[in-house]
Amino acid sequence: MEKKVVVRIGGKQYLVKKGDELVIDKVNHKEGEEFPLEVLLSFDEEIGKAEIGTPTLKEQAKAKVLEHVKGDKIYVQKFKAKVRYRRRTGFRAQLSRIQITSI
């Protein structure tokens, strides 16, 4: 088994190991660029050792931006009965696909 860590990216926490690919909210890094991640918790299942940060650990994980993509379209509708009031707007989330390169 490999070492697994919990990292914080954009206010959310993800359980990852080396080589994992994630789709997250867009990060302000260019495609192909590596950037560091905050490690909150790390554990190794082979030796049964876990480290908990207060609030983070000194070690850092690194991730590489593979591409920036758009999410599925979401439609939001609102209406008022009996007065012919209708509004429909759409939204597509800006996302980034990243790969964990090192822990």
C-alpha atoms as a PDB file:
ATOM      1  CA  MET A   1       0.000   0.000   0.000  1.00  0.00           C
ATOM      2  CA  GLU A   2       1.096   3.542  -0.650  1.00  0.00           C
ATOM      3  CA  LYS A   3       1.095   6.512   1.636  1.00  0.00           C
ATOM      4  CA  LYS A   4      -2.210   8.401   1.583  1.00  0.00           C
ATOM      5  CA  VAL A   5      -2.752  12.005   2.613  1.00  0.00           C
ATOM      6  CA  VAL A   6      -5.625  14.412   3.103  1.00  0.00           C
ATOM      7  CA  VAL A   7      -4.930  17.697   1.289  1.00  0.00           C
ATOM      8  CA  ARG A   8      -6.783  21.002   1.292  1.00  0.00           C
ATOM      9  CA  ILE A   9      -7.481  22.588  -2.094  1.00  0.00           C
ATOM     10  CA  GLY A  10      -9.723  25.643  -2.351  1.00  0.00           C
ATOM     11  CA  GLY A  11     -11.334  25.137   1.054  1.00  0.00           C
ATOM     12  CA  LYS A  12     -12.197  21.480   0.391  1.00  0.00           C
ATOM     13  CA  GLN A  13     -10.440  18.328   1.584  1.00  0.00           C
ATOM     14  CA  TYR A  14      -9.493  15.361  -0.601  1.00  0.00           C
ATOM     15  CA  LEU A  15      -8.041  11.937   0.251  1.00  0.00           C
ATOM     16  CA  VAL A  16      -5.286  11.261  -2.313  1.00  0.00           C
ATOM     17  CA  LYS A  17      -2.237   9.158  -3.060  1.00  0.00           C
ATOM     18  CA  LYS A  18       0.545   9.607  -5.617  1.00  0.00           C
ATOM     19  CA  GLY A  19      -0.727   9.383  -9.198  1.00  0.00           C
ATOM     20  CA  ASP A  20      -4.380  10.189  -8.422  1.00  0.00           C
ATOM     21  CA  GLU A  21      -6.297  12.505 -10.765  1.00  0.00           C
ATOM     22  CA  LEU A  22      -8.908  14.923  -9.394  1.00  0.00           C
ATOM     23  CA  VAL A  23     -11.395  17.348 -10.903  1.00  0.00           C
ATOM     24  CA  ILE A  24     -11.542  20.384  -8.613  1.00  0.00           C
ATOM     25  CA  ASP A  25     -12.655  24.016  -8.696  1.00  0.00           C
ATOM     26  CA  LYS A  26     -10.416  26.055 -10.997  1.00  0.00           C
ATOM     27  CA  VAL A  27      -6.954  26.882  -9.644  1.00  0.00           C
ATOM     28  CA  ASN A  28      -4.958  29.914 -10.753  1.00  0.00           C
ATOM     29  CA  HIS A  29      -2.105  27.966 -12.339  1.00  0.00           C
ATOM     30  CA  LYS A  30      -1.325  27.338 -15.995  1.00  0.00           C
ATOM     31  CA  GLU A  31      -1.685  23.950 -17.661  1.00  0.00           C
ATOM     32  CA  GLY A  32       1.400  21.818 -17.052  1.00  0.00           C
ATOM     33  CA  GLU A  33       2.459  23.861 -14.012  1.00  0.00           C
ATOM     34  CA  GLU A  34       3.195  22.199 -10.648  1.00  0.00           C
ATOM     35  CA  PHE A  35       2.029  23.711  -7.373  1.00  0.00           C
ATOM     36  CA  PRO A  36       2.234  22.735  -3.660  1.00  0.00           C
ATOM     37  CA  LEU A  37      -0.707  21.492  -1.580  1.00  0.00           C
ATOM     38  CA  GLU A  38      -1.320  21.748   2.173  1.00  0.00           C
ATOM     39  CA  VAL A  39      -1.220  18.334   3.862  1.00  0.00           C
ATOM     40  CA  LEU A  40      -3.627  18.030   6.805  1.00  0.00           C
ATOM     41  CA  LEU A  41      -3.255  14.340   7.626  1.00  0.00           C
ATOM     42  CA  SER A  42      -1.044  11.507   6.426  1.00  0.00           C
ATOM     43  CA  PHE A  43      -1.138   7.784   7.050  1.00  0.00           C
ATOM     44  CA  ASP A  44       0.641   4.655   5.902  1.00  0.00           C
ATOM     45  CA  GLU A  45      -1.471   1.487   6.039  1.00  0.00           C
ATOM     46  CA  GLU A  46       1.524  -0.885   5.873  1.00  0.00           C
ATOM     47  CA  ILE A  47       3.086   0.243   9.136  1.00  0.00           C
ATOM     48  CA  GLY A  48      -0.124   1.598  10.654  1.00  0.00           C
ATOM     49  CA  LYS A  49       1.276   5.065  11.309  1.00  0.00           C
ATOM     50  CA  ALA A  50      -0.831   8.222  11.097  1.00  0.00           C
ATOM     51  CA  GLU A  51       0.204  11.857  11.505  1.00  0.00           C
ATOM     52  CA  ILE A  52      -2.320  14.598  12.189  1.00  0.00           C
ATOM     53  CA  GLY A  53      -1.415  18.222  11.538  1.00  0.00           C
ATOM     54  CA  THR A  54      -2.238  21.122  13.832  1.00  0.00           C
ATOM     55  CA  PRO A  55      -3.573  22.510  11.478  1.00  0.00           C
ATOM     56  CA  THR A  56      -1.159  21.300   8.739  1.00  0.00           C
ATOM     57  CA  LEU A  57       1.909  19.083   8.496  1.00  0.00           C
ATOM     58  CA  LYS A  58       5.339  20.348   7.458  1.00  0.00           C
ATOM     59  CA  GLU A  59       5.453  17.994   4.481  1.00  0.00           C
ATOM     60  CA  GLN A  60       3.915  19.143   1.218  1.00  0.00           C
ATOM     61  CA  ALA A  61       2.319  17.320  -1.662  1.00  0.00           C
ATOM     62  CA  LYS A  62       2.720  18.546  -5.230  1.00  0.00           C
ATOM     63  CA  ALA A  63       0.152  18.515  -7.998  1.00  0.00           C
ATOM     64  CA  LYS A  64       0.321  19.238 -11.718  1.00  0.00           C
ATOM     65  CA  VAL A  65      -2.474  20.940 -13.674  1.00  0.00           C
ATOM     66  CA  LEU A  66      -3.448  18.700 -16.591  1.00  0.00           C
ATOM     67  CA  GLU A  67      -6.176  20.903 -18.099  1.00  0.00           C
ATOM     68  CA  HIS A  68      -8.859  23.475 -17.393  1.00  0.00           C
ATOM     69  CA  VAL A  69     -12.394  22.375 -18.291  1.00  0.00           C
ATOM     70  CA  LYS A  70     -16.003  23.482 -17.899  1.00  0.00           C
ATOM     71  CA  GLY A  71     -18.547  21.469 -15.929  1.00  0.00           C
ATOM     72  CA  ASP A  72     -22.021  20.443 -17.018  1.00  0.00           C
ATOM     73  CA  LYS A  73     -24.584  23.174 -17.581  1.00  0.00           C
ATOM     74  CA  ILE A  74     -26.961  23.785 -14.698  1.00  0.00           C
ATOM     75  CA  TYR A  75     -30.215  25.665 -15.264  1.00  0.00           C
ATOM     76  CA  VAL A  76     -31.806  27.775 -12.547  1.00  0.00           C
ATOM     77  CA  GLN A  77     -35.447  28.793 -12.953  1.00  0.00           C
ATOM     78  CA  LYS A  78     -37.733  30.972 -10.892  1.00  0.00           C
ATOM     79  CA  PHE A  79     -41.302  32.013 -11.466  1.00  0.00           C
ATOM     80  CA  LYS A  80     -44.255  33.677  -9.820  1.00  0.00           C
ATOM     81  CA  ALA A  81     -47.649  32.105 -10.247  1.00  0.00           C
ATOM     82  CA  LYS A  82     -50.459  33.996 -11.998  1.00  0.00           C
ATOM     83  CA  VAL A  83     -48.354  36.985 -13.153  1.00  0.00           C
ATOM     84  CA  ARG A  84     -46.407  35.475 -16.100  1.00  0.00           C
ATOM     85  CA  TYR A  85     -43.052  36.112 -14.428  1.00  0.00           C
ATOM     86  CA  ARG A  86     -40.411  33.579 -15.462  1.00  0.00           C
ATOM     87  CA  ARG A  87     -36.599  33.725 -15.404  1.00  0.00           C
ATOM     88  CA  ARG A  88     -34.168  31.067 -16.565  1.00  0.00           C
ATOM     89  CA  THR A  89     -30.397  31.350 -16.252  1.00  0.00           C
ATOM     90  CA  GLY A  90     -27.625  28.850 -16.865  1.00  0.00           C
ATOM     91  CA  PHE A  91     -24.318  28.218 -15.132  1.00  0.00           C
ATOM     92  CA  ARG A  92     -21.202  26.197 -16.006  1.00  0.00           C
ATOM     93  CA  ALA A  93     -18.560  25.685 -13.329  1.00  0.00           C
ATOM     94  CA  GLN A  94     -14.909  26.384 -14.201  1.00  0.00           C
ATOM     95  CA  LEU A  95     -12.923  23.280 -13.214  1.00  0.00           C
ATOM     96  CA  SER A  96      -9.322  22.056 -13.285  1.00  0.00           C
ATOM     97  CA  ARG A  97      -8.127  18.481 -13.717  1.00  0.00           C
ATOM     98  CA  ILE A  98      -5.002  17.852 -11.639  1.00  0.00           C
ATOM     99  CA  GLN A  99      -2.680  14.920 -10.963  1.00  0.00           C
ATOM    100  CA  ILE A 100      -0.842  14.335  -7.675  1.00  0.00           C
ATOM    101  CA  THR A 101       2.852  14.057  -8.612  1.00  0.00           C
ATOM    102  CA  SER A 102       4.548  13.658  -5.228  1.00  0.00           C
ATOM    103  CA  ILE A 103       3.821  13.285  -1.542  1.00  0.00           C
END
